[in-house]
Amino acid sequence: MTEVVENKGILIGPPRSGKTLLAKAYAGILPLLSRSESLEVTQLYSIAGLLGHSGSLITSRPFRQPHHSATMVAIL
């Protein structure tokens, strides 16, 4: 089952049904970030301390894989 909220998806289903595989494949075919999106994501990574030493713009869309025991409240 897939739920899409404001262009964000949540895959829900039984174990070993291919949710993670589908999510990773989908993330791989998304277009690169626009310049403004890239600046926004790079700023967020910088604030969170995740940018690293390179300091270059992030051009690929972030992919998150929360722990299987995370609740819906924790994810949202």
PDB file of N, CA and C in Angstrom:
ATOM      1  N   MET A   1       0.851  -1.174   0.000  1.00  0.00           N
ATOM      2  CA  MET A   1       0.000   0.000   0.000  1.00  0.00           C
ATOM      3  C   MET A   1       0.894   1.234   0.000  1.00  0.00           C
ATOM      4  N   THR A   2       0.591   2.188  -0.819  1.00  0.00           N
ATOM      5  CA  THR A   2       1.354   3.426  -0.875  1.00  0.00           C
ATOM      6  C   THR A   2       0.432   4.589  -0.572  1.00  0.00           C
ATOM      7  N   GLU A   3       0.894   5.457   0.300  1.00  0.00           N
ATOM      8  CA  GLU A   3       0.137   6.664   0.619  1.00  0.00           C
ATOM      9  C   GLU A   3       0.983   7.850   0.185  1.00  0.00           C
ATOM     10  N   VAL A   4       0.417   8.725  -0.618  1.00  0.00           N
ATOM     11  CA  VAL A   4       1.152   9.889  -1.093  1.00  0.00           C
ATOM     12  C   VAL A   4       0.561  11.134  -0.456  1.00  0.00           C
ATOM     13  N   VAL A   5       1.409  11.895   0.219  1.00  0.00           N
ATOM     14  CA  VAL A   5       0.994  13.122   0.886  1.00  0.00           C
ATOM     15  C   VAL A   5       1.921  14.229   0.416  1.00  0.00           C
ATOM     16  N   GLU A   6       1.378  15.201  -0.316  1.00  0.00           N
ATOM     17  CA  GLU A   6       2.169  16.323  -0.822  1.00  0.00           C
ATOM     18  C   GLU A   6       3.440  15.844  -1.519  1.00  0.00           C
ATOM     19  N   ASN A   7       3.319  14.932  -2.460  1.00  0.00           N
ATOM     20  CA  ASN A   7       4.430  14.396  -3.240  1.00  0.00           C
ATOM     21  C   ASN A   7       5.428  13.597  -2.412  1.00  0.00           C
ATOM     22  N   LYS A   8       5.044  13.165  -1.235  1.00  0.00           N
ATOM     23  CA  LYS A   8       5.889  12.301  -0.420  1.00  0.00           C
ATOM     24  C   LYS A   8       5.134  10.994  -0.258  1.00  0.00           C
ATOM     25  N   GLY A   9       5.824   9.882  -0.313  1.00  0.00           N
ATOM     26  CA  GLY A   9       5.146   8.597  -0.230  1.00  0.00           C
ATOM     27  C   GLY A   9       5.546   7.815   0.998  1.00  0.00           C
ATOM     28  N   ILE A  10       4.619   7.033   1.485  1.00  0.00           N
ATOM     29  CA  ILE A  10       4.882   6.112   2.578  1.00  0.00           C
ATOM     30  C   ILE A  10       4.478   4.734   2.076  1.00  0.00           C
ATOM     31  N   LEU A  11       5.415   3.805   2.068  1.00  0.00           N
ATOM     32  CA  LEU A  11       5.125   2.444   1.634  1.00  0.00           C
ATOM     33  C   LEU A  11       4.832   1.596   2.857  1.00  0.00           C
ATOM     34  N   ILE A  12       3.678   0.966   2.862  1.00  0.00           N
ATOM     35  CA  ILE A  12       3.263   0.139   3.983  1.00  0.00           C
ATOM     36  C   ILE A  12       2.886  -1.235   3.444  1.00  0.00           C
ATOM     37  N   GLY A  13       3.384  -2.283   4.082  1.00  0.00           N
ATOM     38  CA  GLY A  13       3.042  -3.628   3.651  1.00  0.00           C
ATOM     39  C   GLY A  13       3.761  -4.663   4.486  1.00  0.00           C
ATOM     40  N   PRO A  14       3.494  -5.927   4.219  1.00  0.00           N
ATOM     41  CA  PRO A  14       4.124  -6.990   4.995  1.00  0.00           C
ATOM     42  C   PRO A  14       5.623  -7.075   4.705  1.00  0.00           C
ATOM     43  N   PRO A  15       6.380  -7.695   5.620  1.00  0.00           N
ATOM     44  CA  PRO A  15       7.812  -7.864   5.400  1.00  0.00           C
ATOM     45  C   PRO A  15       8.092  -8.613   4.092  1.00  0.00           C
ATOM     46  N   ARG A  16       9.200  -8.251   3.466  1.00  0.00           N
ATOM     47  CA  ARG A  16       9.691  -8.906   2.255  1.00  0.00           C
ATOM     48  C   ARG A  16       8.739  -8.771   1.065  1.00  0.00           C
ATOM     49  N   SER A  17       7.975  -7.683   1.033  1.00  0.00           N
ATOM     50  CA  SER A  17       7.070  -7.469  -0.099  1.00  0.00           C
ATOM     51  C   SER A  17       7.664  -6.523  -1.141  1.00  0.00           C
ATOM     52  N   GLY A  18       8.893  -6.027  -0.905  1.00  0.00           N
ATOM     53  CA  GLY A  18       9.574  -5.195  -1.892  1.00  0.00           C
ATOM     54  C   GLY A  18       9.444  -3.702  -1.680  1.00  0.00           C
ATOM     55  N   LYS A  19       9.035  -3.276  -0.502  1.00  0.00           N
ATOM     56  CA  LYS A  19       8.851  -1.841  -0.233  1.00  0.00           C
ATOM     57  C   LYS A  19      10.164  -1.072  -0.365  1.00  0.00           C
ATOM     58  N   THR A  20      11.221  -1.572   0.268  1.00  0.00           N
ATOM     59  CA  THR A  20      12.508  -0.879   0.232  1.00  0.00           C
ATOM     60  C   THR A  20      13.077  -0.872  -1.177  1.00  0.00           C
ATOM     61  N   LEU A  21      12.980  -1.982  -1.876  1.00  0.00           N
ATOM     62  CA  LEU A  21      13.465  -2.062  -3.247  1.00  0.00           C
ATOM     63  C   LEU A  21      12.744  -1.051  -4.136  1.00  0.00           C
ATOM     64  N   LEU A  22      11.437  -0.969  -3.990  1.00  0.00           N
ATOM     65  CA  LEU A  22      10.649  -0.013  -4.768  1.00  0.00           C
ATOM     66  C   LEU A  22      11.027   1.425  -4.430  1.00  0.00           C
ATOM     67  N   ALA A  23      11.193   1.722  -3.150  1.00  0.00           N
ATOM     68  CA  ALA A  23      11.547   3.083  -2.729  1.00  0.00           C
ATOM     69  C   ALA A  23      12.913   3.490  -3.263  1.00  0.00           C
ATOM     70  N   LYS A  24      13.894   2.589  -3.193  1.00  0.00           N
ATOM     71  CA  LYS A  24      15.237   2.905  -3.700  1.00  0.00           C
ATOM     72  C   LYS A  24      15.221   3.080  -5.214  1.00  0.00           C
ATOM     73  N   ALA A  25      14.460   2.240  -5.909  1.00  0.00           N
ATOM     74  CA  ALA A  25      14.367   2.363  -7.361  1.00  0.00           C
ATOM     75  C   ALA A  25      13.706   3.682  -7.740  1.00  0.00           C
ATOM     76  N   TYR A  26      12.656   4.041  -7.035  1.00  0.00           N
ATOM     77  CA  TYR A  26      11.952   5.291  -7.308  1.00  0.00           C
ATOM     78  C   TYR A  26      12.859   6.491  -7.056  1.00  0.00           C
ATOM     79  N   ALA A  27      13.613   6.446  -5.960  1.00  0.00           N
ATOM     80  CA  ALA A  27      14.523   7.550  -5.642  1.00  0.00           C
ATOM     81  C   ALA A  27      15.587   7.703  -6.722  1.00  0.00           C
ATOM     82  N   GLY A  28      15.985   6.602  -7.338  1.00  0.00           N
ATOM     83  CA  GLY A  28      17.017   6.637  -8.363  1.00  0.00           C
ATOM     84  C   GLY A  28      16.571   7.221  -9.685  1.00  0.00           C
ATOM     85  N   ILE A  29      15.271   7.238  -9.962  1.00  0.00           N
ATOM     86  CA  ILE A  29      14.801   7.750 -11.250  1.00  0.00           C
ATOM     87  C   ILE A  29      14.243   9.168 -11.165  1.00  0.00           C
ATOM     88  N   LEU A  30      14.226   9.721  -9.968  1.00  0.00           N
ATOM     89  CA  LEU A  30      13.738  11.094  -9.820  1.00  0.00           C
ATOM     90  C   LEU A  30      14.705  12.071 -10.482  1.00  0.00           C
ATOM     91  N   PRO A  31      14.211  13.180 -11.009  1.00  0.00           N
ATOM     92  CA  PRO A  31      15.103  14.171 -11.618  1.00  0.00           C
ATOM     93  C   PRO A  31      15.984  14.835 -10.559  1.00  0.00           C
ATOM     94  N   LEU A  32      17.100  15.389 -11.017  1.00  0.00           N
ATOM     95  CA  LEU A  32      17.971  16.120 -10.105  1.00  0.00           C
ATOM     96  C   LEU A  32      17.224  17.324  -9.547  1.00  0.00           C
ATOM     97  N   LEU A  33      17.694  17.821  -8.443  1.00  0.00           N
ATOM     98  CA  LEU A  33      17.077  18.988  -7.820  1.00  0.00           C
ATOM     99  C   LEU A  33      17.275  20.225  -8.686  1.00  0.00           C
ATOM    100  N   SER A  34      16.304  21.121  -8.671  1.00  0.00           N
ATOM    101  CA  SER A  34      16.482  22.411  -9.333  1.00  0.00           C
ATOM    102  C   SER A  34      17.480  23.227  -8.508  1.00  0.00           C
ATOM    103  N   ARG A  35      17.905  24.343  -9.028  1.00  0.00           N
ATOM    104  CA  ARG A  35      18.893  25.169  -8.312  1.00  0.00           C
ATOM    105  C   ARG A  35      18.350  25.604  -6.944  1.00  0.00           C
ATOM    106  N   SER A  36      17.096  26.067  -6.900  1.00  0.00           N
ATOM    107  CA  SER A  36      16.534  26.524  -5.626  1.00  0.00           C
ATOM    108  C   SER A  36      16.350  25.357  -4.654  1.00  0.00           C
ATOM    109  N   GLU A  37      15.915  24.192  -5.155  1.00  0.00           N
ATOM    110  CA  GLU A  37      15.788  23.012  -4.292  1.00  0.00           C
ATOM    111  C   GLU A  37      17.146  22.576  -3.767  1.00  0.00           C
ATOM    112  N   SER A  38      18.149  22.632  -4.640  1.00  0.00           N
ATOM    113  CA  SER A  38      19.503  22.251  -4.251  1.00  0.00           C
ATOM    114  C   SER A  38      20.041  23.157  -3.149  1.00  0.00           C
ATOM    115  N   LEU A  39      19.800  24.452  -3.280  1.00  0.00           N
ATOM    116  CA  LEU A  39      20.231  25.397  -2.244  1.00  0.00           C
ATOM    117  C   LEU A  39      19.528  25.120  -0.919  1.00  0.00           C
ATOM    118  N   GLU A  40      18.227  24.836  -0.985  1.00  0.00           N
ATOM    119  CA  GLU A  40      17.455  24.568   0.230  1.00  0.00           C
ATOM    120  C   GLU A  40      17.936  23.292   0.929  1.00  0.00           C
ATOM    121  N   VAL A  41      18.126  22.222   0.166  1.00  0.00           N
ATOM    122  CA  VAL A  41      18.594  20.958   0.753  1.00  0.00           C
ATOM    123  C   VAL A  41      20.001  21.125   1.323  1.00  0.00           C
ATOM    124  N   THR A  42      20.864  21.831   0.606  1.00  0.00           N
ATOM    125  CA  THR A  42      22.229  22.057   1.083  1.00  0.00           C
ATOM    126  C   THR A  42      22.224  22.861   2.376  1.00  0.00           C
ATOM    127  N   GLN A  43      21.363  23.872   2.462  1.00  0.00           N
ATOM    128  CA  GLN A  43      21.257  24.655   3.702  1.00  0.00           C
ATOM    129  C   GLN A  43      20.791  23.781   4.864  1.00  0.00           C
ATOM    130  N   LEU A  44      19.801  22.934   4.623  1.00  0.00           N
ATOM    131  CA  LEU A  44      19.302  22.048   5.681  1.00  0.00           C
ATOM    132  C   LEU A  44      20.381  21.068   6.139  1.00  0.00           C
ATOM    133  N   TYR A  45      21.129  20.498   5.198  1.00  0.00           N
ATOM    134  CA  TYR A  45      22.222  19.590   5.553  1.00  0.00           C
ATOM    135  C   TYR A  45      23.284  20.334   6.358  1.00  0.00           C
ATOM    136  N   SER A  46      23.576  21.578   5.964  1.00  0.00           N
ATOM    137  CA  SER A  46      24.577  22.375   6.669  1.00  0.00           C
ATOM    138  C   SER A  46      24.140  22.658   8.104  1.00  0.00           C
ATOM    139  N   ILE A  47      22.881  23.049   8.283  1.00  0.00           N
ATOM    140  CA  ILE A  47      22.352  23.334   9.622  1.00  0.00           C
ATOM    141  C   ILE A  47      22.403  22.090  10.498  1.00  0.00           C
ATOM    142  N   ALA A  48      22.106  20.931   9.895  1.00  0.00           N
ATOM    143  CA  ALA A  48      22.086  19.672  10.646  1.00  0.00           C
ATOM    144  C   ALA A  48      23.482  19.096  10.858  1.00  0.00           C
ATOM    145  N   GLY A  49      24.507  19.734  10.264  1.00  0.00           N
ATOM    146  CA  GLY A  49      25.871  19.241  10.406  1.00  0.00           C
ATOM    147  C   GLY A  49      26.165  18.027   9.544  1.00  0.00           C
ATOM    148  N   LEU A  50      25.415  17.839   8.467  1.00  0.00           N
ATOM    149  CA  LEU A  50      25.572  16.669   7.604  1.00  0.00           C
ATOM    150  C   LEU A  50      26.265  16.979   6.282  1.00  0.00           C
ATOM    151  N   LEU A  51      26.698  18.217   6.093  1.00  0.00           N
ATOM    152  CA  LEU A  51      27.248  18.629   4.807  1.00  0.00           C
ATOM    153  C   LEU A  51      28.654  18.098   4.571  1.00  0.00           C
ATOM    154  N   GLY A  52      29.419  17.928   5.609  1.00  0.00           N
ATOM    155  CA  GLY A  52      30.786  17.450   5.438  1.00  0.00           C
ATOM    156  C   GLY A  52      31.737  18.576   5.091  1.00  0.00           C
ATOM    157  N   HIS A  53      32.936  18.212   4.685  1.00  0.00           N
ATOM    158  CA  HIS A  53      33.985  19.202   4.424  1.00  0.00           C
ATOM    159  C   HIS A  53      33.954  19.741   2.998  1.00  0.00           C
ATOM    160  N   SER A  54      33.286  19.048   2.083  1.00  0.00           N
ATOM    161  CA  SER A  54      33.306  19.485   0.687  1.00  0.00           C
ATOM    162  C   SER A  54      32.569  20.809   0.500  1.00  0.00           C
ATOM    163  N   GLY A  55      31.438  20.967   1.163  1.00  0.00           N
ATOM    164  CA  GLY A  55      30.683  22.207   1.061  1.00  0.00           C
ATOM    165  C   GLY A  55      30.022  22.418  -0.281  1.00  0.00           C
ATOM    166  N   SER A  56      30.035  21.398  -1.159  1.00  0.00           N
ATOM    167  CA  SER A  56      29.429  21.561  -2.476  1.00  0.00           C
ATOM    168  C   SER A  56      27.914  21.375  -2.401  1.00  0.00           C
ATOM    169  N   LEU A  57      27.229  21.897  -3.412  1.00  0.00           N
ATOM    170  CA  LEU A  57      25.771  21.798  -3.459  1.00  0.00           C
ATOM    171  C   LEU A  57      25.335  20.342  -3.610  1.00  0.00           C
ATOM    172  N   ILE A  58      24.271  19.988  -2.931  1.00  0.00           N
ATOM    173  CA  ILE A  58      23.689  18.659  -3.056  1.00  0.00           C
ATOM    174  C   ILE A  58      22.712  18.708  -4.219  1.00  0.00           C
ATOM    175  N   THR A  59      22.877  17.817  -5.194  1.00  0.00           N
ATOM    176  CA  THR A  59      22.041  17.849  -6.392  1.00  0.00           C
ATOM    177  C   THR A  59      21.085  16.668  -6.495  1.00  0.00           C
ATOM    178  N   SER A  60      21.284  15.627  -5.691  1.00  0.00           N
ATOM    179  CA  SER A  60      20.375  14.478  -5.742  1.00  0.00           C
ATOM    180  C   SER A  60      19.364  14.566  -4.606  1.00  0.00           C
ATOM    181  N   ARG A  61      18.203  14.019  -4.839  1.00  0.00           N
ATOM    182  CA  ARG A  61      17.132  14.076  -3.843  1.00  0.00           C
ATOM    183  C   ARG A  61      17.455  13.168  -2.662  1.00  0.00           C
ATOM    184  N   PRO A  62      17.207  13.648  -1.433  1.00  0.00           N
ATOM    185  CA  PRO A  62      17.495  12.841  -0.249  1.00  0.00           C
ATOM    186  C   PRO A  62      16.600  11.598  -0.189  1.00  0.00           C
ATOM    187  N   PHE A  63      17.166  10.494   0.277  1.00  0.00           N
ATOM    188  CA  PHE A  63      16.419   9.254   0.487  1.00  0.00           C
ATOM    189  C   PHE A  63      16.555   8.874   1.946  1.00  0.00           C
ATOM    190  N   ARG A  64      15.455   8.645   2.609  1.00  0.00           N
ATOM    191  CA  ARG A  64      15.467   8.269   4.023  1.00  0.00           C
ATOM    192  C   ARG A  64      14.839   6.901   4.189  1.00  0.00           C
ATOM    193  N   GLN A  65      15.473   6.081   5.015  1.00  0.00           N
ATOM    194  CA  GLN A  65      14.976   4.745   5.303  1.00  0.00           C
ATOM    195  C   GLN A  65      14.882   4.600   6.819  1.00  0.00           C
ATOM    196  N   PRO A  66      13.746   4.988   7.406  1.00  0.00           N
ATOM    197  CA  PRO A  66      13.624   4.929   8.866  1.00  0.00           C
ATOM    198  C   PRO A  66      13.663   3.486   9.372  1.00  0.00           C
ATOM    199  N   HIS A  67      14.042   3.336  10.629  1.00  0.00           N
ATOM    200  CA  HIS A  67      14.108   2.017  11.254  1.00  0.00           C
ATOM    201  C   HIS A  67      12.727   1.377  11.249  1.00  0.00           C
ATOM    202  N   HIS A  68      12.687   0.062  11.099  1.00  0.00           N
ATOM    203  CA  HIS A  68      11.403  -0.634  10.989  1.00  0.00           C
ATOM    204  C   HIS A  68      10.531  -0.492  12.235  1.00  0.00           C
ATOM    205  N   SER A  69      11.144  -0.163  13.368  1.00  0.00           N
ATOM    206  CA  SER A  69      10.353  -0.033  14.594  1.00  0.00           C
ATOM    207  C   SER A  69       9.878   1.407  14.838  1.00  0.00           C
ATOM    208  N   ALA A  70      10.230   2.333  13.940  1.00  0.00           N
ATOM    209  CA  ALA A  70       9.803   3.729  14.102  1.00  0.00           C
ATOM    210  C   ALA A  70       8.289   3.834  13.921  1.00  0.00           C
ATOM    211  N   THR A  71       7.661   4.593  14.790  1.00  0.00           N
ATOM    212  CA  THR A  71       6.210   4.783  14.695  1.00  0.00           C
ATOM    213  C   THR A  71       5.892   5.824  13.624  1.00  0.00           C
ATOM    214  N   MET A  72       4.638   5.862  13.189  1.00  0.00           N
ATOM    215  CA  MET A  72       4.225   6.857  12.196  1.00  0.00           C
ATOM    216  C   MET A  72       4.427   8.269  12.734  1.00  0.00           C
ATOM    217  N   VAL A  73       4.185   8.474  14.016  1.00  0.00           N
ATOM    218  CA  VAL A  73       4.376   9.790  14.633  1.00  0.00           C
ATOM    219  C   VAL A  73       5.843  10.190  14.562  1.00  0.00           C
ATOM    220  N   ALA A  74       6.744   9.267  14.832  1.00  0.00           N
ATOM    221  CA  ALA A  74       8.177   9.563  14.793  1.00  0.00           C
ATOM    222  C   ALA A  74       8.641   9.872  13.375  1.00  0.00           C
ATOM    223  N   ILE A  75       8.063   9.205  12.395  1.00  0.00           N
ATOM    224  CA  ILE A  75       8.458   9.413  11.003  1.00  0.00           C
ATOM    225  C   ILE A  75       7.957  10.756  10.490  1.00  0.00           C
ATOM    226  N   LEU A  76       6.730  11.095  10.822  1.00  0.00           N
ATOM    227  CA  LEU A  76       6.153  12.346  10.341  1.00  0.00           C
ATOM    228  C   LEU A  76       6.610  13.489  11.202  1.00  0.00           C
TER     229      LEU A  76
END
